[in-house]
Amino acid sequence: MVLNMAGIPGLLFLFLLLLLLCMVGQVSPYSGSWKPTWPAYQLPVILPQTTLNLAKPEFGAEAKLEVSSSCGPQCHKGAPSPTYEEVKQYLSYETLYANGSLTETQVGIYLLSSGRSGAQPRDTESARKSRRKRQIYGYDSRFSIFGKDFLLNYPFSTSVKLSTGCTGTLVAEKHVLTAAHCIHDGKTYVKGTQKLRVGFLKPRYKDGGRGTNNSSSATPEKMKFQWIRVKRTHVPKGWIKGSANDIGMDYDYTLLELKKPHKRKFMKIGVSPPAKQLPGGRIHFSGYDNDRPGNLVYRFCDVKDETYDLLYQQCDAQPGASGSGVYVRMWKRQQQKWERKIIGIFSGHQWVDMNGSPQDFNVAVRITPLKYAQICYWIKGNYVDCREG
């Protein structure tokens, strides 16, 4: 593995290396007396009600590799809570198929009773409350990850590249989670979405030989992308009907279903805990930033603020990283083991007016209980397997 660490002081180098080793599971910074534990949630159920065929969409939007908004934490916290009917509308979704056909599915939202003898609808989300191109804060703290022993192993191997230029994360045998703006600009679908492909980094072997590269070599190994076509995509109507300056950014996520299984280990999704419950208050994600073409770039940083739907942080990033799965590693009490889960999707950038002084943040969409129920249903096709977040 080769890290871009030129010029980093020795103590800082050791600190960053320790954190990276903790992140890939080689050492644990926590004592046996206390572990950050995945919390348990009472999860809602989201079920399709009606599905309508829509006219074939246009594919004329230009791909945007980041989303900008001037509506910051206080703006989002001050927004009125949506009604039950509005939440149902936002969580309804469009499904785009590889043949160009398009459907719209209306959903119902239910909360199972404690005895699980029935379900009643409830307003479970009532508690929801053009900058420069660089998204770097001070010293550039991103790591370029090289070498197949890292790129092809978990968790880095779960990061994939979209043909529209964004990043995605493997969340099931045939499914990729990414940002909605990577395929839809809020009004129409992005050029190339009908023939959307997902790229997997693979070693580039010479003369058809395999295993010729020495994984212990300090020289970065050449990699190439192997592409798999997308069978269908799901986009929530909250993104399509909204805008980044309104409620749209809260729904900047989409799920892609591949035409065939990818055969790699994937990362499960999970409900985003409050920032104060995150290990060290820190998040992690890896993406294909466009200023380092062909490289997978890993970073971590502290969460600065949060709303019910968004995490505000200053992780160094560049366009192309949007759509990356934001994850943390916490203790799974039921299985008595450490487990990483994706708790959000890196979306883009916001300028925020902080008492008359502009401040900028990078933003991730949190996986709330409702979003978990929706995404899990898209993956599993039933709610029975979506009762644990």
Protein backbone atom coordinates (compact mmCIF):
# COMPACT_ATOMS: atom_id res chain seq x y z
CA MET A 1 0.00 0.00 0.00
CA VAL A 2 1.30 3.47 -0.87
CA LEU A 3 -0.09 6.56 0.87
CA ASN A 4 0.38 10.16 -0.28
CA MET A 5 2.03 11.37 2.92
CA ALA A 6 4.90 13.46 1.67
CA GLY A 7 5.67 16.30 4.02
CA ILE A 8 3.62 14.98 6.96
CA PRO A 9 5.47 15.30 10.31
CA GLY A 10 6.50 12.01 11.90
CA LEU A 11 4.04 12.08 14.82
CA LEU A 12 1.17 13.01 12.54
CA PHE A 13 2.19 10.23 10.15
CA LEU A 14 2.06 7.68 12.98
CA PHE A 15 -1.31 9.00 14.16
CA LEU A 16 -2.84 8.82 10.69
CA LEU A 17 -1.38 5.38 10.08
CA LEU A 18 -2.84 4.12 13.37
CA LEU A 19 -6.27 5.45 12.45
CA LEU A 20 -6.05 3.84 9.01
CA LEU A 21 -5.09 0.50 10.54
CA CYS A 22 -8.02 0.78 12.94
CA MET A 23 -10.25 1.52 9.99
CA VAL A 24 -9.23 -1.64 8.08
CA GLY A 25 -9.62 -3.73 11.21
CA GLN A 26 -6.00 -4.59 12.07
CA VAL A 27 -6.06 -2.96 15.51
CA SER A 28 -8.80 -1.65 17.78
CA PRO A 29 -8.47 1.65 19.69
CA TYR A 30 -11.18 0.61 22.17
CA SER A 31 -10.67 -1.24 25.40
CA GLY A 32 -12.73 -4.25 26.35
CA SER A 33 -14.65 -2.21 28.93
CA TRP A 34 -16.43 0.01 26.42
CA LYS A 35 -17.32 -0.28 22.76
CA PRO A 36 -19.33 2.06 20.53
CA THR A 37 -22.40 -0.10 19.88
CA TRP A 38 -24.91 -0.08 17.07
CA PRO A 39 -28.18 1.18 18.59
CA ALA A 40 -31.49 -0.64 18.12
CA TYR A 41 -34.34 1.13 16.36
CA GLN A 42 -38.06 0.52 15.95
CA LEU A 43 -38.18 0.52 12.18
CA PRO A 44 -41.15 1.44 10.02
CA VAL A 45 -42.39 -0.56 7.05
CA ILE A 46 -42.64 0.91 3.56
CA LEU A 47 -44.74 -1.04 1.08
CA PRO A 48 -45.62 -0.32 -2.56
CA GLN A 49 -49.30 0.57 -3.06
CA THR A 50 -49.74 1.32 -6.76
CA THR A 51 -47.36 1.38 -9.73
CA LEU A 52 -48.03 3.44 -12.85
CA ASN A 53 -46.32 3.36 -16.23
CA LEU A 54 -44.85 6.72 -17.23
CA ALA A 55 -43.81 8.08 -20.61
CA LYS A 56 -40.23 7.27 -21.60
CA PRO A 57 -37.96 9.89 -20.04
CA GLU A 58 -35.53 12.27 -21.68
CA PHE A 59 -31.81 11.80 -21.01
CA GLY A 60 -30.58 15.33 -21.61
CA ALA A 61 -29.20 16.50 -18.26
CA GLU A 62 -25.48 17.09 -17.85
CA ALA A 63 -23.86 14.99 -15.16
CA LYS A 64 -23.03 17.06 -12.09
CA LEU A 65 -20.41 15.56 -9.81
CA GLU A 66 -21.44 17.63 -6.78
CA VAL A 67 -24.53 19.37 -5.41
CA SER A 68 -24.37 22.91 -4.03
CA SER A 69 -26.85 24.56 -1.68
CA SER A 70 -26.99 27.69 0.45
CA CYS A 71 -29.45 26.12 2.91
CA GLY A 72 -27.38 25.10 5.92
CA PRO A 73 -28.09 23.38 9.26
CA GLN A 74 -30.21 26.17 10.74
CA CYS A 75 -32.12 26.52 7.48
CA HIS A 76 -32.91 22.80 7.44
CA LYS A 77 -33.68 22.68 11.17
CA GLY A 78 -36.09 25.57 10.76
CA ALA A 79 -38.00 23.95 7.89
CA PRO A 80 -41.55 22.83 8.78
CA SER A 81 -41.96 19.13 9.48
CA PRO A 82 -43.62 17.29 6.59
CA THR A 83 -47.04 15.78 7.02
CA TYR A 84 -47.65 12.06 6.71
CA GLU A 85 -49.00 12.53 3.19
CA GLU A 86 -45.98 14.61 2.20
CA VAL A 87 -43.58 11.97 3.52
CA LYS A 88 -45.41 9.30 1.51
CA GLN A 89 -45.04 11.50 -1.56
CA TYR A 90 -41.31 12.05 -0.98
CA LEU A 91 -40.68 8.33 -0.44
CA SER A 92 -42.62 7.28 -3.52
CA TYR A 93 -40.15 6.55 -6.28
CA GLU A 94 -39.43 6.25 -9.97
CA THR A 95 -37.89 3.10 -11.43
CA LEU A 96 -35.91 3.39 -14.65
CA TYR A 97 -35.26 0.19 -16.61
CA ALA A 98 -32.43 -0.55 -19.03
CA ASN A 99 -34.88 -0.62 -21.95
CA GLY A 100 -35.83 3.00 -21.22
CA SER A 101 -39.23 2.31 -19.67
CA LEU A 102 -40.16 4.23 -16.51
CA THR A 103 -42.63 3.60 -13.69
CA GLU A 104 -43.76 5.52 -10.61
CA THR A 105 -44.60 3.65 -7.40
CA GLN A 106 -46.70 5.13 -4.59
CA VAL A 107 -45.96 3.77 -1.11
CA GLY A 108 -47.62 3.30 2.24
CA ILE A 109 -45.79 3.84 5.54
CA TYR A 110 -46.59 1.66 8.53
CA LEU A 111 -45.27 1.05 12.02
CA LEU A 112 -45.67 -2.49 13.29
CA SER A 113 -47.30 -2.85 16.69
CA SER A 114 -45.24 -4.42 19.47
CA GLY A 115 -47.17 -7.67 19.08
CA ARG A 116 -46.70 -7.51 15.29
CA SER A 117 -50.36 -8.44 14.84
CA GLY A 118 -50.98 -5.55 12.50
CA ALA A 119 -49.68 -2.27 11.20
CA GLN A 120 -50.96 1.27 11.37
CA PRO A 121 -49.71 4.26 9.38
CA ARG A 122 -47.98 6.92 11.43
CA ASP A 123 -46.13 10.12 10.71
CA THR A 124 -42.80 8.55 11.67
CA GLU A 125 -40.75 11.46 10.31
CA SER A 126 -42.50 14.25 12.22
CA ALA A 127 -39.26 14.88 14.16
CA ARG A 128 -37.40 15.87 10.98
CA LYS A 129 -36.28 19.12 11.36
CA SER A 130 -21.25 27.94 -6.40
CA ARG A 131 -18.36 27.56 -4.46
CA ARG A 132 -14.83 26.98 -5.79
CA LYS A 133 -14.14 23.56 -7.29
CA ARG A 134 -11.82 22.44 -4.52
CA GLN A 135 -13.42 20.99 -1.40
CA ILE A 136 -10.20 20.89 0.63
CA TYR A 137 -9.99 22.29 4.15
CA GLY A 138 -6.45 23.35 5.05
CA TYR A 139 -3.98 20.51 4.58
CA ASP A 140 -5.21 17.90 2.10
CA SER A 141 -5.72 14.86 4.34
CA ARG A 142 -6.87 12.38 1.67
CA PHE A 143 -5.07 9.07 1.13
CA SER A 144 -4.61 7.53 -2.32
CA ILE A 145 -4.88 3.74 -1.94
CA PHE A 146 -2.72 1.60 -4.21
CA GLY A 147 -1.94 -2.11 -4.48
CA LYS A 148 -4.36 -4.93 -5.15
CA ASP A 149 -3.96 -6.31 -1.62
CA PHE A 150 -5.82 -3.20 -0.44
CA LEU A 151 -7.95 -2.18 -3.42
CA LEU A 152 -9.37 -5.68 -3.84
CA ASN A 153 -10.01 -6.26 -0.13
CA TYR A 154 -12.78 -5.10 2.14
CA PRO A 155 -13.73 -2.32 2.83
CA PHE A 156 -12.00 -0.57 -0.10
CA SER A 157 -13.26 -3.17 -2.57
CA THR A 158 -16.86 -2.06 -1.94
CA SER A 159 -16.23 1.27 -3.73
CA VAL A 160 -17.14 1.32 -7.43
CA LYS A 161 -17.19 3.95 -10.17
CA LEU A 162 -20.25 5.01 -12.17
CA SER A 163 -19.98 5.69 -15.89
CA THR A 164 -21.48 9.15 -15.20
CA GLY A 165 -18.39 9.99 -13.13
CA CYS A 166 -19.59 9.46 -9.55
CA THR A 167 -18.77 6.84 -6.93
CA GLY A 168 -21.04 4.12 -5.54
CA THR A 169 -20.86 1.45 -2.85
CA LEU A 170 -21.76 -2.24 -3.03
CA VAL A 171 -24.61 -2.91 -0.57
CA ALA A 172 -25.83 -6.34 -1.79
CA GLU A 173 -24.98 -9.07 -4.30
CA LYS A 174 -26.41 -7.03 -7.18
CA HIS A 175 -27.00 -3.56 -5.73
CA VAL A 176 -25.07 -0.29 -5.57
CA LEU A 177 -25.98 2.73 -3.44
CA THR A 178 -25.06 6.18 -4.75
CA ALA A 179 -26.32 9.78 -4.95
CA ALA A 180 -29.45 10.61 -6.95
CA HIS A 181 -27.79 13.61 -8.61
CA CYS A 182 -25.37 11.20 -10.31
CA ILE A 183 -28.20 10.02 -12.57
CA HIS A 184 -30.93 12.69 -12.25
CA ASP A 185 -30.68 16.48 -11.91
CA GLY A 186 -34.05 16.85 -10.20
CA LYS A 187 -35.87 17.49 -13.49
CA THR A 188 -34.63 14.90 -15.95
CA TYR A 189 -32.24 11.97 -16.23
CA VAL A 190 -28.55 12.44 -16.94
CA LYS A 191 -27.07 11.65 -20.34
CA GLY A 192 -25.90 8.05 -20.45
CA THR A 193 -28.17 6.87 -17.63
CA GLN A 194 -30.11 4.52 -19.92
CA LYS A 195 -26.83 2.67 -20.58
CA LEU A 196 -25.42 3.23 -17.08
CA ARG A 197 -22.48 1.03 -16.11
CA VAL A 198 -20.67 0.34 -12.85
CA GLY A 199 -16.89 -0.08 -12.86
CA PHE A 200 -14.92 -2.48 -10.64
CA LEU A 201 -11.17 -2.03 -10.25
CA LYS A 202 -9.26 -5.12 -11.37
CA PRO A 203 -5.54 -5.82 -11.79
CA ARG A 204 -4.19 -5.19 -15.30
CA TYR A 205 -2.17 -8.27 -16.27
CA LYS A 206 0.33 -8.24 -19.11
CA ASP A 207 0.39 -10.88 -21.85
CA GLY A 208 -2.64 -12.59 -20.33
CA GLY A 209 -0.60 -13.73 -17.31
CA ARG A 210 -2.11 -13.76 -13.83
CA GLY A 211 -0.42 -13.27 -10.52
CA THR A 212 2.70 -11.77 -12.07
CA ASN A 213 2.56 -8.64 -9.92
CA ASN A 214 4.34 -8.85 -6.60
CA SER A 215 1.90 -7.53 -3.97
CA SER A 216 4.79 -6.69 -1.64
CA SER A 217 6.34 -4.34 -4.18
CA ALA A 218 6.36 -0.62 -3.33
CA THR A 219 5.52 0.19 -6.95
CA PRO A 220 1.79 0.79 -7.44
CA GLU A 221 0.19 -1.94 -9.53
CA LYS A 222 -1.71 -0.94 -12.65
CA MET A 223 -5.44 -1.44 -12.38
CA LYS A 224 -8.31 -1.24 -14.83
CA PHE A 225 -12.07 -1.00 -14.56
CA GLN A 226 -14.30 -3.93 -15.45
CA TRP A 227 -17.81 -2.68 -16.22
CA ILE A 228 -21.23 -4.21 -15.46
CA ARG A 229 -24.43 -2.79 -16.93
CA VAL A 230 -27.23 -1.54 -14.66
CA LYS A 231 -30.60 -3.32 -14.96
CA ARG A 232 -32.74 -0.70 -13.17
CA THR A 233 -32.53 2.28 -10.84
CA HIS A 234 -34.79 3.58 -8.05
CA VAL A 235 -34.95 7.33 -7.32
CA PRO A 236 -37.13 8.80 -4.52
CA LYS A 237 -39.67 11.41 -5.59
CA GLY A 238 -38.39 13.68 -2.83
CA TRP A 239 -35.35 14.29 -5.03
CA ILE A 240 -37.27 14.56 -8.28
CA LYS A 241 -39.92 16.93 -6.87
CA GLY A 242 -37.58 18.96 -4.68
CA SER A 243 -34.44 20.97 -5.18
CA ALA A 244 -31.13 21.25 -3.35
CA ASN A 245 -32.27 24.54 -1.83
CA ASP A 246 -35.48 23.01 -0.46
CA ILE A 247 -36.02 19.41 0.71
CA GLY A 248 -34.34 17.81 -2.30
CA MET A 249 -30.89 17.33 -0.79
CA ASP A 250 -32.47 15.26 2.01
CA TYR A 251 -33.36 12.67 -0.66
CA ASP A 252 -30.16 12.68 -2.71
CA TYR A 253 -29.77 8.91 -2.91
CA THR A 254 -30.54 6.16 -5.40
CA LEU A 255 -30.15 2.40 -5.66
CA LEU A 256 -28.82 0.64 -8.77
CA GLU A 257 -29.52 -3.02 -9.56
CA LEU A 258 -26.85 -4.70 -11.69
CA LYS A 259 -27.60 -7.13 -14.51
CA LYS A 260 -25.48 -9.81 -12.83
CA PRO A 261 -23.94 -10.41 -9.37
CA HIS A 262 -20.58 -8.75 -8.74
CA LYS A 263 -19.21 -11.59 -6.49
CA ARG A 264 -17.51 -9.22 -4.04
CA LYS A 265 -18.05 -8.72 -0.34
CA PHE A 266 -20.43 -5.81 0.18
CA MET A 267 -21.15 -3.44 3.05
CA LYS A 268 -24.52 -3.47 4.77
CA ILE A 269 -26.58 -0.34 5.24
CA GLY A 270 -27.54 0.87 8.71
CA VAL A 271 -29.58 3.59 10.37
CA SER A 272 -27.40 6.63 11.09
CA PRO A 273 -26.86 7.07 14.85
CA PRO A 274 -26.67 10.59 16.31
CA ALA A 275 -23.28 12.17 15.69
CA LYS A 276 -22.44 12.05 19.40
CA GLN A 277 -22.73 8.23 19.28
CA LEU A 278 -20.30 7.81 16.36
CA PRO A 279 -16.85 6.47 17.34
CA GLY A 280 -14.85 9.63 17.97
CA GLY A 281 -17.63 11.58 16.24
CA ARG A 282 -15.93 10.59 13.00
CA ILE A 283 -17.03 9.26 9.60
CA HIS A 284 -15.13 7.55 6.75
CA PHE A 285 -15.61 7.19 3.01
CA SER A 286 -13.66 6.29 -0.15
CA GLY A 287 -14.31 7.61 -3.64
CA TYR A 288 -12.93 8.30 -7.10
CA ASP A 289 -12.11 12.01 -6.82
CA ASN A 290 -11.65 13.48 -10.28
CA ASP A 291 -8.36 15.22 -9.42
CA ARG A 292 -6.74 11.78 -8.93
CA PRO A 293 -8.00 9.85 -11.98
CA GLY A 294 -7.96 6.09 -11.60
CA ASN A 295 -7.16 6.28 -7.88
CA LEU A 296 -9.36 5.30 -5.00
CA VAL A 297 -9.13 8.03 -2.36
CA TYR A 298 -9.90 7.41 1.32
CA ARG A 299 -10.58 10.04 3.97
CA PHE A 300 -12.01 10.47 7.45
CA CYS A 301 -13.08 13.50 9.48
CA ASP A 302 -15.25 14.73 12.35
CA VAL A 303 -18.94 15.53 11.98
CA LYS A 304 -19.43 19.25 12.64
CA ASP A 305 -23.23 19.45 12.74
CA GLU A 306 -26.31 17.42 11.85
CA THR A 307 -29.99 17.63 11.07
CA TYR A 308 -32.44 14.76 11.00
CA ASP A 309 -31.55 14.07 7.36
CA LEU A 310 -28.02 15.45 6.85
CA LEU A 311 -24.50 15.23 8.29
CA TYR A 312 -22.29 18.32 7.96
CA GLN A 313 -18.56 17.69 7.88
CA GLN A 314 -15.34 18.99 6.36
CA CYS A 315 -13.88 15.83 4.90
CA ASP A 316 -11.54 16.77 2.05
CA ALA A 317 -13.19 15.81 -1.22
CA GLN A 318 -13.34 16.62 -4.90
CA PRO A 319 -16.13 16.17 -7.47
CA GLY A 320 -16.34 12.51 -8.37
CA ALA A 321 -16.42 11.41 -4.74
CA SER A 322 -20.14 12.18 -4.52
CA GLY A 323 -22.23 9.07 -4.12
CA SER A 324 -19.63 7.46 -1.85
CA GLY A 325 -21.01 5.46 1.06
CA VAL A 326 -20.27 7.14 4.40
CA TYR A 327 -19.59 4.46 6.99
CA VAL A 328 -18.53 3.78 10.58
CA ARG A 329 -17.39 0.69 12.46
CA MET A 330 -19.26 -0.18 15.66
CA TRP A 331 -19.90 -3.15 17.90
CA LYS A 332 -22.77 -5.47 16.96
CA ARG A 333 -24.08 -6.70 20.28
CA GLN A 334 -26.25 -9.53 18.93
CA GLN A 335 -23.39 -11.17 16.99
CA GLN A 336 -20.67 -10.01 19.40
CA LYS A 337 -18.48 -8.63 16.64
CA TRP A 338 -17.34 -5.39 15.01
CA GLU A 339 -19.27 -4.41 11.90
CA ARG A 340 -19.04 -1.59 9.39
CA LYS A 341 -22.24 -0.17 8.00
CA ILE A 342 -23.06 2.60 5.57
CA ILE A 343 -24.94 5.30 7.45
CA GLY A 344 -25.06 7.95 4.71
CA ILE A 345 -24.29 8.96 1.14
CA PHE A 346 -21.82 11.76 0.38
CA SER A 347 -23.78 14.37 -1.55
CA GLY A 348 -22.01 17.66 -2.10
CA HIS A 349 -21.28 21.10 -0.77
CA GLN A 350 -23.08 23.88 1.07
CA TRP A 351 -22.20 27.45 1.87
CA VAL A 352 -23.70 28.30 5.25
CA ASP A 353 -24.34 31.75 6.72
CA MET A 354 -23.02 31.47 10.28
CA ASN A 355 -23.99 34.70 12.06
CA GLY A 356 -23.29 36.75 8.95
CA SER A 357 -20.03 34.95 8.16
CA PRO A 358 -20.06 32.40 5.30
CA GLN A 359 -18.76 28.94 6.15
CA ASP A 360 -18.66 25.90 3.91
CA PHE A 361 -19.40 22.26 4.63
CA ASN A 362 -19.47 19.03 2.71
CA VAL A 363 -22.76 17.23 3.24
CA ALA A 364 -23.83 13.58 3.52
CA VAL A 365 -27.42 12.34 3.41
CA ARG A 366 -28.18 10.31 6.53
CA ILE A 367 -29.89 6.94 6.32
CA THR A 368 -32.87 7.56 8.59
CA PRO A 369 -35.24 4.75 9.72
CA LEU A 370 -37.59 5.56 6.84
CA LYS A 371 -34.80 5.65 4.26
CA TYR A 372 -33.41 2.41 5.65
CA ALA A 373 -36.83 0.75 5.29
CA GLN A 374 -37.12 2.02 1.72
CA ILE A 375 -33.62 1.08 0.54
CA CYS A 376 -33.79 -2.30 2.27
CA TYR A 377 -37.11 -3.05 0.58
CA TRP A 378 -35.60 -2.13 -2.79
CA ILE A 379 -32.83 -4.65 -2.10
CA LYS A 380 -34.77 -7.49 -0.44
CA GLY A 381 -38.19 -7.13 -2.04
CA ASN A 382 -39.93 -7.73 1.32
CA TYR A 383 -40.14 -5.98 4.69
CA VAL A 384 -39.61 -9.10 6.83
CA ASP A 385 -35.84 -8.97 6.17
CA CYS A 386 -35.74 -5.24 6.91
CA ARG A 387 -36.64 -5.22 10.59
CA GLU A 388 -33.12 -4.62 11.94
CA GLY A 389 -31.24 -1.41 11.12
